[in-house]
Protein backbone atom coordinates (compact mmCIF):
# COMPACT_ATOMS: atom_id res chain seq x y z
CA MET A 1 -18.12 13.13 15.04
CA HIS A 2 -21.47 13.78 14.13
CA MET A 3 -23.44 10.49 14.07
CA PRO A 4 -26.49 10.23 11.92
CA SER A 5 -29.79 10.83 13.57
CA ARG A 6 -32.42 10.30 10.66
CA LEU A 7 -31.37 7.17 9.09
CA PRO A 8 -32.92 3.87 10.07
CA GLU A 9 -29.81 2.54 11.68
CA THR A 10 -26.43 4.05 12.57
CA LEU A 11 -23.86 3.30 10.06
CA GLY A 12 -20.24 2.96 11.24
CA SER A 13 -16.87 2.45 10.08
CA THR A 14 -15.61 -0.54 8.00
CA ALA A 15 -11.84 -1.79 7.64
CA ALA A 16 -11.65 0.09 4.44
CA PHE A 17 -13.58 3.13 5.47
CA VAL A 18 -13.05 4.57 8.97
CA VAL A 19 -15.83 7.44 9.41
CA GLN A 20 -14.08 10.64 10.64
CA GLU A 21 -17.31 12.85 10.10
CA TYR A 22 -20.83 12.51 8.68
CA LEU A 23 -21.22 15.35 5.96
CA THR A 24 -24.86 14.94 5.38
CA GLU A 25 -27.43 12.53 5.92
CA MET A 26 -30.78 12.30 4.19
CA GLN A 27 -33.79 10.04 5.01
CA ASP A 28 -32.18 7.20 2.98
CA TYR A 29 -28.38 7.66 2.50
CA ALA A 30 -25.43 9.15 4.19
CA VAL A 31 -22.40 10.88 2.94
CA ALA A 32 -19.02 10.92 5.19
CA ARG A 33 -15.55 11.61 5.18
CA SER A 34 -13.01 9.06 5.92
CA ALA A 35 -10.00 9.44 8.45
CA ARG A 36 -8.04 9.53 5.19
CA GLY A 37 -9.94 12.36 3.55
CA GLU A 38 -12.00 10.22 1.32
CA ILE A 39 -15.76 10.84 0.55
CA GLY A 40 -17.83 7.85 0.74
CA VAL A 41 -21.77 7.33 0.39
CA THR A 42 -24.04 4.23 1.65
CA TRP A 43 -27.59 3.75 1.60
CA ASN A 44 -29.57 2.95 4.51
CA ASP A 45 -33.45 2.74 3.93
CA ALA A 46 -36.27 0.27 4.47
CA ALA A 47 -35.29 -1.61 1.40
CA HIS A 48 -31.65 -1.84 2.69
CA PRO A 49 -31.57 -1.94 6.45
CA GLY A 50 -28.14 -2.01 7.91
CA GLY A 51 -26.74 -0.20 4.82
CA TYR A 52 -26.20 -0.99 0.96
CA PRO A 53 -24.02 -2.13 -0.55
CA LYS A 54 -22.98 -5.05 1.56
CA ALA A 55 -20.01 -7.63 1.37
CA PHE A 56 -20.68 -10.95 3.40
CA GLY A 57 -23.53 -9.16 5.08
CA ASN A 58 -21.73 -6.17 6.33
CA GLN A 59 -22.55 -2.73 5.31
CA GLN A 60 -20.03 -1.05 3.11
CA TRP A 61 -19.18 2.42 1.95
CA PHE A 62 -18.81 3.41 -1.84
CA ILE A 63 -15.63 5.57 -1.86
CA LEU A 64 -16.20 8.23 -4.57
CA PRO A 65 -13.37 9.24 -6.95
CA PRO A 66 -12.57 13.00 -6.08
CA PRO A 67 -14.26 14.81 -9.01
CA ILE A 68 -17.41 12.84 -8.33
CA ALA A 69 -17.08 13.26 -4.47
CA MET A 70 -17.20 17.37 -5.09
CA ILE A 71 -20.02 16.89 -7.07
CA VAL A 72 -22.08 14.94 -4.80
CA LEU A 73 -20.88 17.06 -1.59
CA ALA A 74 -22.25 20.25 -3.43
CA THR A 75 -25.44 18.61 -4.31
CA ALA A 76 -26.16 17.07 -0.92
CA MET A 77 -25.32 20.22 0.91
CA THR A 78 -27.64 22.31 -1.39
CA ALA A 79 -30.33 19.76 -0.86
CA GLU A 80 -30.11 19.96 2.95
CA MET A 81 -29.96 23.71 2.89
CA LEU A 82 -32.98 23.99 0.47
CA ASN A 83 -34.73 21.30 2.58
CA GLY A 84 -33.84 23.50 5.79
CA GLN A 85 -31.89 20.42 7.23
């Protein structure tokens, strides 16, 4: 599994979203695929250390509906390619 290297803190799995693979990571967020094939997003920047959103103080992954997940994946991967990352 690819672990994020550019994020302020390493983001892990939660009970509802078991990270299988990090698909992209930018300076302030990550996009990952879960063990069930879902696509999730979480933020992790200076304003939100340890991930955002949070539930009871624990970082959470926002699971995207499939049509939105495809748009986010295409956009994020294009942005990484354009930035040479």
